[in-house]
Amino acid sequence: MVKYSYMTDILHQLKCYGRHNGVWLLLIGLCFILQLLPAESLQFERQRIAQGELWRLLSGHFVHLNWSHFALNMAGLFMLWLFFRNYQRQAYWLLAIVLIALLCSAGLYADGQLASYVGFSGVLHGLFILGALYELKRYPLSGVVLLGLLLGKLVWEQWQGALPGSEALSGGRVAVNAHLYGALAGLLYYLLGILLKNQQQKHKKTRMNANKRK
């Protein structure tokens, strides 16, 4: 009986863990599996996208140059999970990942500077912007510091190029515009969320006032 209760408790904990962390585990697993496949069939590639291979607008963010590039981005994803996962529901983060990836790809396609691109770093910058904005609401001091660091990094990259040592770590050229477009997409997603929430509250208030008149 004790053994049964102990095992039941373990299964319950695993179920709760998966419920609260499923998106993050799924994302890491997806990136790991895709890393085992040839990147050429999944990477962002302007010419192939123009020919109709639109899945590359999304899939290119989940493949990496090499295992060190993969590890670097997964380390960033782990930091996001560690500090910001409880600020919103999993569905919010999942939608953010998809939309930031697509908007980042749209920016890369529109500016025409890159023929190909791989990596999760553009999406990471958007997610970190989201996390920092929610951090700002709860803990203003750390939120200001984090936003300042992110903004400083983006300005540096646009002004001077990739941070020193980052290309050696990733094993290839750093696409700094992907970081910029990802960050802007994260900001846009945050603002749209606020707008939607305000509209819902306004609609709810209007409905309550209408019910009172009845």
Protein backbone atom coordinates (compact mmCIF):
# COMPACT_ATOMS: atom_id res chain seq x y z
CA MET A 1 0.00 0.00 0.00
CA VAL A 2 2.83 2.36 0.82
CA LYS A 3 4.54 1.49 -2.44
CA TYR A 4 1.37 2.16 -4.39
CA SER A 5 0.90 5.56 -2.74
CA TYR A 6 4.53 6.44 -3.36
CA MET A 7 4.32 5.54 -7.05
CA THR A 8 1.01 7.39 -7.39
CA ASP A 9 2.61 10.49 -5.91
CA ILE A 10 5.53 10.27 -8.37
CA LEU A 11 3.15 9.89 -11.33
CA HIS A 12 1.12 12.86 -10.10
CA GLN A 13 4.24 15.01 -9.83
CA LEU A 14 5.35 14.03 -13.34
CA LYS A 15 1.90 14.86 -14.67
CA CYS A 16 1.97 18.31 -13.03
CA TYR A 17 5.52 18.87 -14.25
CA GLY A 18 4.52 18.07 -17.82
CA ARG A 19 1.42 20.24 -17.58
CA HIS A 20 3.42 23.31 -16.53
CA ASN A 21 6.50 22.69 -18.67
CA GLY A 22 5.24 20.78 -21.69
CA VAL A 23 5.81 23.59 -24.20
CA TRP A 24 9.42 24.04 -23.13
CA LEU A 25 10.16 20.30 -23.12
CA LEU A 26 8.48 19.90 -26.51
CA LEU A 27 10.51 22.76 -27.96
CA ILE A 28 13.83 21.37 -26.73
CA GLY A 29 12.89 17.91 -28.00
CA LEU A 30 11.85 19.30 -31.38
CA CYS A 31 15.11 21.22 -31.81
CA PHE A 32 17.11 18.16 -30.79
CA ILE A 33 15.35 15.88 -33.27
CA LEU A 34 15.59 18.40 -36.12
CA GLN A 35 19.29 18.81 -35.39
CA LEU A 36 19.72 15.17 -36.41
CA LEU A 37 18.25 15.93 -39.85
CA PRO A 38 19.89 17.75 -42.78
CA ALA A 39 19.44 21.46 -42.14
CA GLU A 40 19.25 22.22 -45.87
CA SER A 41 15.69 20.91 -46.09
CA LEU A 42 14.44 23.06 -43.22
CA GLN A 43 16.54 26.23 -43.06
CA PHE A 44 15.27 29.68 -44.01
CA GLU A 45 16.29 30.05 -47.64
CA ARG A 46 15.03 33.01 -49.65
CA GLN A 47 15.11 31.35 -53.06
CA ARG A 48 13.24 28.24 -51.89
CA ILE A 49 10.68 30.32 -50.01
CA ALA A 50 10.07 32.36 -53.15
CA GLN A 51 9.43 29.06 -54.95
CA GLY A 52 6.67 28.20 -52.47
CA GLU A 53 8.45 26.32 -49.64
CA LEU A 54 6.75 28.47 -47.02
CA TRP A 55 7.37 26.08 -44.12
CA ARG A 56 10.94 27.36 -44.07
CA LEU A 57 9.63 30.63 -42.60
CA LEU A 58 8.97 28.64 -39.43
CA SER A 59 11.23 25.58 -39.54
CA GLY A 60 14.41 27.60 -40.09
CA HIS A 61 14.28 28.78 -36.47
CA PHE A 62 14.39 25.25 -35.06
CA VAL A 63 17.53 23.99 -36.81
CA HIS A 64 21.08 25.09 -36.03
CA LEU A 65 24.50 25.33 -37.63
CA ASN A 66 26.04 22.75 -35.32
CA TRP A 67 25.74 21.29 -31.84
CA SER A 68 27.50 24.21 -30.18
CA HIS A 69 25.02 26.60 -31.82
CA PHE A 70 22.20 24.34 -30.63
CA ALA A 71 23.58 24.22 -27.07
CA LEU A 72 23.97 28.01 -26.94
CA ASN A 73 20.36 28.62 -27.89
CA MET A 74 19.04 25.88 -25.62
CA ALA A 75 20.94 27.48 -22.75
CA GLY A 76 19.08 30.71 -23.51
CA LEU A 77 15.81 28.82 -23.63
CA PHE A 78 16.59 27.26 -20.25
CA MET A 79 17.09 30.75 -18.79
CA LEU A 80 13.71 31.80 -20.16
CA TRP A 81 12.07 28.76 -18.59
CA LEU A 82 13.85 29.31 -15.29
CA PHE A 83 12.92 32.97 -14.83
CA PHE A 84 9.80 33.69 -16.84
CA ARG A 85 7.76 30.51 -17.39
CA ASN A 86 5.19 31.35 -14.68
CA TYR A 87 4.44 34.83 -15.98
CA GLN A 88 1.99 33.50 -18.57
CA ARG A 89 0.20 30.31 -19.54
CA GLN A 90 1.85 27.78 -21.81
CA ALA A 91 -0.56 28.60 -24.65
CA TYR A 92 0.61 32.22 -24.52
CA TRP A 93 4.27 31.20 -24.84
CA LEU A 94 3.52 28.70 -27.61
CA LEU A 95 1.68 31.30 -29.68
CA ALA A 96 4.47 33.79 -28.98
CA ILE A 97 7.10 31.37 -30.30
CA VAL A 98 5.19 30.75 -33.53
CA LEU A 99 4.30 34.37 -34.24
CA ILE A 100 7.72 35.75 -33.34
CA ALA A 101 9.34 33.15 -35.61
CA LEU A 102 7.07 34.07 -38.52
CA LEU A 103 7.46 37.83 -38.05
CA CYS A 104 11.22 37.49 -37.72
CA SER A 105 11.31 35.50 -40.96
CA ALA A 106 9.13 38.10 -42.65
CA GLY A 107 11.63 40.77 -41.66
CA LEU A 108 14.57 38.73 -42.92
CA TYR A 109 12.78 38.04 -46.18
CA ALA A 110 11.83 41.69 -46.66
CA ASP A 111 15.26 43.18 -46.02
CA GLY A 112 16.89 40.77 -48.47
CA GLN A 113 20.30 40.80 -46.78
CA LEU A 114 20.48 37.06 -46.02
CA ALA A 115 20.12 34.24 -48.51
CA SER A 116 19.79 31.67 -45.71
CA TYR A 117 19.40 31.56 -41.95
CA VAL A 118 19.15 29.00 -39.15
CA GLY A 119 18.81 29.23 -35.39
CA PHE A 120 16.48 30.05 -32.53
CA SER A 121 18.26 33.23 -31.43
CA GLY A 122 15.88 35.61 -33.20
CA VAL A 123 12.91 34.04 -31.40
CA LEU A 124 14.90 34.03 -28.15
CA HIS A 125 15.34 37.80 -28.33
CA GLY A 126 11.59 38.24 -28.76
CA LEU A 127 10.86 35.93 -25.83
CA PHE A 128 13.38 37.73 -23.64
CA ILE A 129 11.70 41.04 -24.49
CA LEU A 130 8.39 39.53 -23.37
CA GLY A 131 9.93 38.16 -20.19
CA ALA A 132 11.61 41.48 -19.40
CA LEU A 133 8.37 43.43 -19.87
CA TYR A 134 6.52 41.12 -17.49
CA GLU A 135 9.47 41.32 -15.10
CA LEU A 136 9.16 45.11 -15.24
CA LYS A 137 5.55 44.90 -14.04
CA ARG A 138 6.43 42.68 -11.07
CA TYR A 139 9.98 43.70 -10.20
CA PRO A 140 10.69 47.13 -11.71
CA LEU A 141 14.39 47.29 -10.83
CA SER A 142 15.39 43.96 -12.37
CA GLY A 143 13.02 44.60 -15.28
CA VAL A 144 14.69 47.93 -16.10
CA VAL A 145 18.15 46.32 -15.87
CA LEU A 146 17.16 43.45 -18.15
CA LEU A 147 15.48 45.70 -20.71
CA GLY A 148 18.51 47.98 -20.65
CA LEU A 149 20.85 45.07 -21.31
CA LEU A 150 18.69 43.79 -24.17
CA LEU A 151 18.40 47.24 -25.72
CA GLY A 152 22.14 47.84 -25.33
CA LYS A 153 22.89 44.51 -27.02
CA LEU A 154 20.60 45.28 -29.94
CA VAL A 155 22.06 48.77 -30.41
CA TRP A 156 25.62 47.41 -30.26
CA GLU A 157 24.85 44.74 -32.85
CA GLN A 158 23.33 47.26 -35.25
CA TRP A 159 26.23 49.63 -34.73
CA GLN A 160 29.27 47.37 -34.38
CA GLY A 161 28.06 43.92 -35.43
CA ALA A 162 28.01 40.72 -33.39
CA LEU A 163 29.23 40.76 -29.81
CA PRO A 164 32.90 39.79 -29.45
CA GLY A 165 33.27 36.03 -29.21
CA SER A 166 29.68 35.21 -30.19
CA GLU A 167 30.59 33.99 -33.67
CA ALA A 168 33.32 31.74 -32.24
CA LEU A 169 30.80 30.26 -29.82
CA SER A 170 28.11 29.66 -32.44
CA GLY A 171 30.50 28.48 -35.13
CA GLY A 172 29.24 30.84 -37.81
CA ARG A 173 28.15 34.34 -38.74
CA VAL A 174 25.66 35.94 -36.33
CA ALA A 175 22.55 37.32 -38.07
CA VAL A 176 22.12 40.47 -35.99
CA ASN A 177 19.04 41.57 -37.94
CA ALA A 178 17.27 38.40 -36.85
CA HIS A 179 17.82 39.48 -33.23
CA LEU A 180 16.37 42.92 -34.01
CA TYR A 181 13.32 41.57 -35.85
CA GLY A 182 12.72 38.97 -33.15
CA ALA A 183 12.86 41.62 -30.42
CA LEU A 184 10.46 43.89 -32.34
CA ALA A 185 8.11 40.96 -32.88
CA GLY A 186 8.18 40.20 -29.15
CA LEU A 187 7.31 43.82 -28.36
CA LEU A 188 4.49 43.78 -30.91
CA TYR A 189 3.11 40.55 -29.43
CA TYR A 190 3.16 42.10 -25.95
CA LEU A 191 1.36 45.24 -27.11
CA LEU A 192 -1.26 43.23 -29.00
CA GLY A 193 -1.86 41.19 -25.86
CA ILE A 194 -2.46 44.37 -23.83
CA LEU A 195 -4.78 45.73 -26.53
CA LEU A 196 -6.78 42.50 -26.63
CA LYS A 197 -7.02 42.39 -22.83
CA ASN A 198 -8.25 45.99 -22.70
CA GLN A 199 -10.85 45.27 -25.37
CA GLN A 200 -12.07 42.23 -23.44
CA GLN A 201 -12.32 44.23 -20.22
CA LYS A 202 -14.16 47.03 -22.03
CA HIS A 203 -16.58 44.54 -23.56
CA LYS A 204 -17.12 42.88 -20.18
CA LYS A 205 -17.78 46.25 -18.51
CA THR A 206 -20.23 47.24 -21.25
CA ARG A 207 -22.10 43.95 -20.87
CA MET A 208 -22.27 44.32 -17.08
CA ASN A 209 -23.66 47.85 -17.42
CA ALA A 210 -26.25 46.60 -19.91
CA ASN A 211 -27.31 43.86 -17.50
CA LYS A 212 -27.68 46.40 -14.68
CA ARG A 213 -30.04 48.52 -16.79
CA LYS A 214 -32.26 45.48 -17.29
